[in-house]
Amino acid sequence: MSRLTEAIPHLEDGRLRRGVIGGEGMIKLLSAPIRRLFRFPLVQFAIVVFLILVMQAANEQTVLGEAFTALDKIVDDSVQVTASILTVKSFTKSWLTFGYMIGYVYLACWLIFFLARTVVRQLVDFAGRKNLFWLRSTIAKERGIEAYRAWLPLEKIRPVQVRQQEWEETYAWPRDNKPPYPPLPQRMFRTVAAYLFVSLFLIVLLQVLTPLPALRWLGDAVKRVAGF
């Protein structure tokens, strides 16, 4: 990372501030309010509900109509699976239908945007490597600024007696150029384990602090899933 610090000027340098307002940086600057709006949870929820209403109102012979038919079947199957594990009555069924439909559409939108963002990122990488339309310098400048900004908080807490190269090889830029964090399967396992632990902790709190027999419900659900 020391190579990066030698190549990029300090953020307070006027040349760097002017470099942000150019090319990709100008697009990011202009689109920042829109991106901030779409990241707001209520806006995302409203968009998902609007998409569901549009699909429901579409003709069954169209793509949107067929998509809603498939979504409706998946939601119905999910509610039936839940009913086979837990006791589901009319009120609970309506909320499950609403929740599953919102969740599936939100997941589909997230996957679409994730794939689109991945494709665009790959195209930009390809343009930078091949210098298509002479964009390599612009792309490198923008990414260099992002890398410097991400690295700066780490550098601020480096002890004076620790050499910069040693500090970066330990926490940011290892010698073998491998990422300084665990592989994806290990991170996924840790995340799932953390969610299971928190869920079990909340169930125990419900059992102890409320009259709800949460542990008995959990045991019944496990027995139904295991087929006992």
Protein backbone atom coordinates (compact mmCIF):
# COMPACT_ATOMS: atom_id res chain seq x y z
CA MET A 1 0.00 0.00 0.00
CA SER A 2 2.99 2.31 0.45
CA ARG A 3 3.24 2.29 -3.35
CA LEU A 4 -0.23 3.77 -3.41
CA THR A 5 0.62 6.52 -0.97
CA GLU A 6 3.60 7.51 -3.06
CA ALA A 7 1.49 7.66 -6.23
CA ILE A 8 -1.56 9.50 -4.88
CA PRO A 9 -1.40 12.98 -3.35
CA HIS A 10 -3.06 13.88 -0.08
CA LEU A 11 -6.82 14.38 -0.07
CA GLU A 12 -6.46 18.04 0.81
CA ASP A 13 -4.50 18.57 -2.39
CA GLY A 14 -6.54 20.66 -4.81
CA ARG A 15 -5.48 18.51 -7.75
CA LEU A 16 -7.14 15.47 -6.15
CA ARG A 17 -10.34 17.36 -5.44
CA ARG A 18 -10.44 18.46 -9.07
CA GLY A 19 -9.68 14.91 -10.18
CA VAL A 20 -12.82 13.62 -8.50
CA ILE A 21 -14.95 15.92 -10.67
CA GLY A 22 -14.20 14.23 -13.93
CA GLY A 23 -15.31 11.25 -15.94
CA GLU A 24 -16.77 8.60 -13.69
CA GLY A 25 -16.55 10.94 -10.70
CA MET A 26 -18.91 13.44 -12.36
CA ILE A 27 -21.44 10.67 -12.98
CA LYS A 28 -21.20 9.53 -9.36
CA LEU A 29 -21.59 13.10 -8.13
CA LEU A 30 -24.71 13.73 -10.22
CA SER A 31 -26.28 10.38 -9.38
CA ALA A 32 -25.51 10.54 -5.64
CA PRO A 33 -28.93 11.99 -4.61
CA ILE A 34 -30.76 9.33 -6.65
CA ARG A 35 -28.65 6.51 -5.25
CA ARG A 36 -29.17 7.83 -1.72
CA LEU A 37 -32.93 7.92 -2.30
CA PHE A 38 -33.07 4.34 -3.59
CA ARG A 39 -31.11 3.12 -0.56
CA PHE A 40 -33.85 4.38 1.79
CA PRO A 41 -35.79 1.31 3.08
CA LEU A 42 -39.25 2.87 2.70
CA VAL A 43 -38.51 3.76 -0.92
CA GLN A 44 -37.36 0.22 -1.62
CA PHE A 45 -40.50 -1.15 0.05
CA ALA A 46 -42.72 1.15 -2.03
CA ILE A 47 -40.96 0.06 -5.23
CA VAL A 48 -41.45 -3.63 -4.38
CA VAL A 49 -45.16 -3.13 -3.64
CA PHE A 50 -45.55 -1.18 -6.89
CA LEU A 51 -43.86 -3.97 -8.86
CA ILE A 52 -46.18 -6.56 -7.30
CA LEU A 53 -49.25 -4.50 -8.20
CA VAL A 54 -48.01 -4.03 -11.76
CA MET A 55 -47.37 -7.77 -12.17
CA GLN A 56 -50.76 -8.62 -10.70
CA ALA A 57 -52.55 -6.23 -13.06
CA ALA A 58 -50.70 -7.48 -16.13
CA ASN A 59 -52.24 -9.90 -18.62
CA GLU A 60 -51.48 -13.53 -17.82
CA GLN A 61 -50.14 -14.04 -21.35
CA THR A 62 -47.43 -11.41 -20.90
CA VAL A 63 -44.04 -11.82 -19.25
CA LEU A 64 -45.12 -9.89 -16.15
CA GLY A 65 -48.30 -11.94 -15.89
CA GLU A 66 -46.41 -15.22 -16.10
CA ALA A 67 -43.91 -13.93 -13.57
CA PHE A 68 -46.72 -13.12 -11.12
CA THR A 69 -48.27 -16.57 -11.65
CA ALA A 70 -44.92 -18.20 -10.82
CA LEU A 71 -44.47 -15.89 -7.83
CA ASP A 72 -47.97 -16.68 -6.55
CA LYS A 73 -47.27 -20.43 -6.76
CA ILE A 74 -43.92 -20.09 -4.96
CA VAL A 75 -45.54 -18.02 -2.20
CA ASP A 76 -48.40 -20.52 -1.83
CA ASP A 77 -45.93 -23.41 -1.59
CA SER A 78 -43.89 -21.52 1.00
CA VAL A 79 -46.99 -20.86 3.12
CA GLN A 80 -47.94 -24.55 2.93
CA VAL A 81 -44.44 -25.59 4.00
CA THR A 82 -44.63 -23.16 6.92
CA ALA A 83 -48.09 -24.51 7.84
CA SER A 84 -46.65 -28.03 7.96
CA ILE A 85 -44.12 -26.87 10.55
CA LEU A 86 -46.08 -24.28 12.56
CA THR A 87 -49.74 -23.70 13.33
CA VAL A 88 -51.01 -21.26 10.70
CA LYS A 89 -54.50 -19.72 10.88
CA SER A 90 -56.23 -17.15 8.67
CA PHE A 91 -54.61 -14.06 10.20
CA THR A 92 -51.15 -15.62 10.23
CA LYS A 93 -51.63 -16.96 6.69
CA SER A 94 -52.40 -13.50 5.31
CA TRP A 95 -49.30 -12.04 6.91
CA LEU A 96 -47.16 -14.94 5.71
CA THR A 97 -48.46 -14.47 2.16
CA PHE A 98 -47.70 -10.76 2.31
CA GLY A 99 -44.26 -11.30 3.84
CA TYR A 100 -43.20 -14.06 1.45
CA MET A 101 -44.34 -12.09 -1.59
CA ILE A 102 -42.49 -8.96 -0.49
CA GLY A 103 -39.41 -10.98 0.40
CA TYR A 104 -39.25 -12.91 -2.88
CA VAL A 105 -39.69 -9.81 -5.04
CA TYR A 106 -37.11 -7.91 -2.98
CA LEU A 107 -34.69 -10.83 -3.33
CA ALA A 108 -35.28 -11.00 -7.10
CA CYS A 109 -34.64 -7.26 -7.47
CA TRP A 110 -31.49 -7.52 -5.37
CA LEU A 111 -30.20 -10.38 -7.52
CA ILE A 112 -30.94 -8.49 -10.74
CA PHE A 113 -29.13 -5.36 -9.55
CA PHE A 114 -26.26 -7.45 -8.18
CA LEU A 115 -25.80 -9.23 -11.49
CA ALA A 116 -26.09 -5.97 -13.44
CA ARG A 117 -23.54 -4.30 -11.16
CA THR A 118 -21.19 -7.29 -11.53
CA VAL A 119 -21.45 -7.19 -15.33
CA VAL A 120 -20.82 -3.44 -15.43
CA ARG A 121 -17.86 -3.87 -13.09
CA GLN A 122 -16.39 -6.56 -15.35
CA LEU A 123 -16.88 -4.36 -18.41
CA VAL A 124 -15.13 -1.46 -16.68
CA ASP A 125 -12.28 -3.79 -15.64
CA PHE A 126 -11.95 -4.99 -19.23
CA ALA A 127 -11.95 -1.42 -20.53
CA GLY A 128 -9.24 -0.49 -18.04
CA ARG A 129 -7.02 -3.47 -18.88
CA LYS A 130 -7.35 -2.99 -22.64
CA ASN A 131 -7.43 0.82 -22.44
CA LEU A 132 -10.64 0.93 -24.51
CA PHE A 133 -11.58 4.47 -25.54
CA TRP A 134 -8.45 5.60 -23.64
CA LEU A 135 -10.27 5.17 -20.29
CA ARG A 136 -7.49 3.42 -18.37
CA SER A 137 -6.12 6.60 -16.82
CA THR A 138 -9.56 7.86 -15.77
CA ILE A 139 -10.59 4.51 -14.27
CA ALA A 140 -7.26 4.12 -12.47
CA LYS A 141 -7.51 7.64 -11.04
CA GLU A 142 -11.02 7.08 -9.67
CA ARG A 143 -10.15 3.70 -8.17
CA GLY A 144 -6.92 5.06 -6.76
CA ILE A 145 -8.88 7.76 -4.94
CA GLU A 146 -11.31 5.15 -3.57
CA ALA A 147 -8.43 2.93 -2.45
CA TYR A 148 -6.68 5.84 -0.72
CA ARG A 149 -9.83 6.88 1.12
CA ALA A 150 -10.43 3.29 2.27
CA TRP A 151 -6.80 2.94 3.38
CA LEU A 152 -6.49 6.28 5.21
CA PRO A 153 -8.41 5.25 8.42
CA LEU A 154 -6.05 2.28 8.81
CA GLU A 155 -2.99 4.48 8.47
CA LYS A 156 -4.28 6.93 11.09
CA ILE A 157 -4.13 4.30 13.85
CA ARG A 158 -0.68 2.95 12.92
CA PRO A 159 1.70 3.22 15.89
CA VAL A 160 4.73 5.41 15.23
CA GLN A 161 7.17 2.62 16.13
CA VAL A 162 5.64 0.22 13.56
CA ARG A 163 6.94 0.54 10.03
CA GLN A 164 4.34 1.32 7.39
CA GLN A 165 5.23 -1.67 5.22
CA GLU A 166 4.98 -4.08 8.16
CA TRP A 167 1.65 -2.54 9.22
CA GLU A 168 0.16 -2.88 5.77
CA GLU A 169 1.46 -6.42 5.21
CA THR A 170 -0.22 -7.45 8.47
CA TYR A 171 -3.63 -5.81 8.05
CA ALA A 172 -4.13 -4.47 4.52
CA TRP A 173 -1.77 -5.67 1.83
CA PRO A 174 -0.25 -9.12 2.59
CA ARG A 175 2.95 -10.14 0.82
CA ASP A 176 1.23 -12.98 -1.05
CA ASN A 177 -1.47 -10.53 -2.30
CA LYS A 178 -4.21 -12.66 -0.73
CA PRO A 179 -7.09 -10.83 0.98
CA PRO A 180 -6.55 -10.37 4.74
CA TYR A 181 -9.99 -11.84 5.57
CA PRO A 182 -11.31 -15.42 5.70
CA PRO A 183 -12.63 -17.10 2.53
CA LEU A 184 -16.30 -16.74 1.55
CA PRO A 185 -17.52 -20.17 2.85
CA GLN A 186 -16.01 -19.47 6.26
CA ARG A 187 -17.60 -16.02 6.42
CA MET A 188 -20.98 -17.46 5.37
CA PHE A 189 -20.72 -20.14 8.07
CA ARG A 190 -19.92 -17.53 10.71
CA THR A 191 -22.86 -15.37 9.61
CA VAL A 192 -25.32 -18.28 9.69
CA ALA A 193 -24.00 -19.40 13.09
CA ALA A 194 -24.36 -15.87 14.46
CA TYR A 195 -27.96 -15.59 13.23
CA LEU A 196 -28.82 -19.00 14.72
CA PHE A 197 -27.27 -18.01 18.05
CA VAL A 198 -29.18 -14.70 18.16
CA SER A 199 -32.43 -16.43 17.18
CA LEU A 200 -31.99 -19.07 19.89
CA PHE A 201 -31.17 -16.36 22.43
CA LEU A 202 -34.37 -14.46 21.55
CA ILE A 203 -36.43 -17.66 21.83
CA VAL A 204 -35.01 -18.30 25.30
CA LEU A 205 -35.85 -14.72 26.30
CA LEU A 206 -39.42 -15.19 25.08
CA GLN A 207 -39.66 -18.41 27.09
CA VAL A 208 -38.30 -16.84 30.28
CA LEU A 209 -39.78 -13.32 30.16
CA THR A 210 -43.16 -13.96 28.54
CA PRO A 211 -45.94 -16.57 28.92
CA LEU A 212 -45.28 -17.78 25.36
CA PRO A 213 -44.00 -21.40 25.22
CA ALA A 214 -41.34 -20.51 22.64
CA LEU A 215 -39.09 -23.48 23.36
CA ARG A 216 -41.98 -25.92 23.02
CA TRP A 217 -42.91 -24.34 19.69
CA LEU A 218 -39.33 -24.71 18.54
CA GLY A 219 -39.24 -28.34 19.63
CA ASP A 220 -42.50 -29.10 17.82
CA ALA A 221 -41.19 -27.45 14.66
CA VAL A 222 -37.97 -29.47 14.79
CA LYS A 223 -39.94 -32.69 15.30
CA ARG A 224 -42.18 -31.92 12.30
CA VAL A 225 -39.20 -31.17 10.09
CA ALA A 226 -37.42 -34.35 11.22
CA GLY A 227 -40.61 -36.37 10.72
CA PHE A 228 -40.90 -37.59 14.31
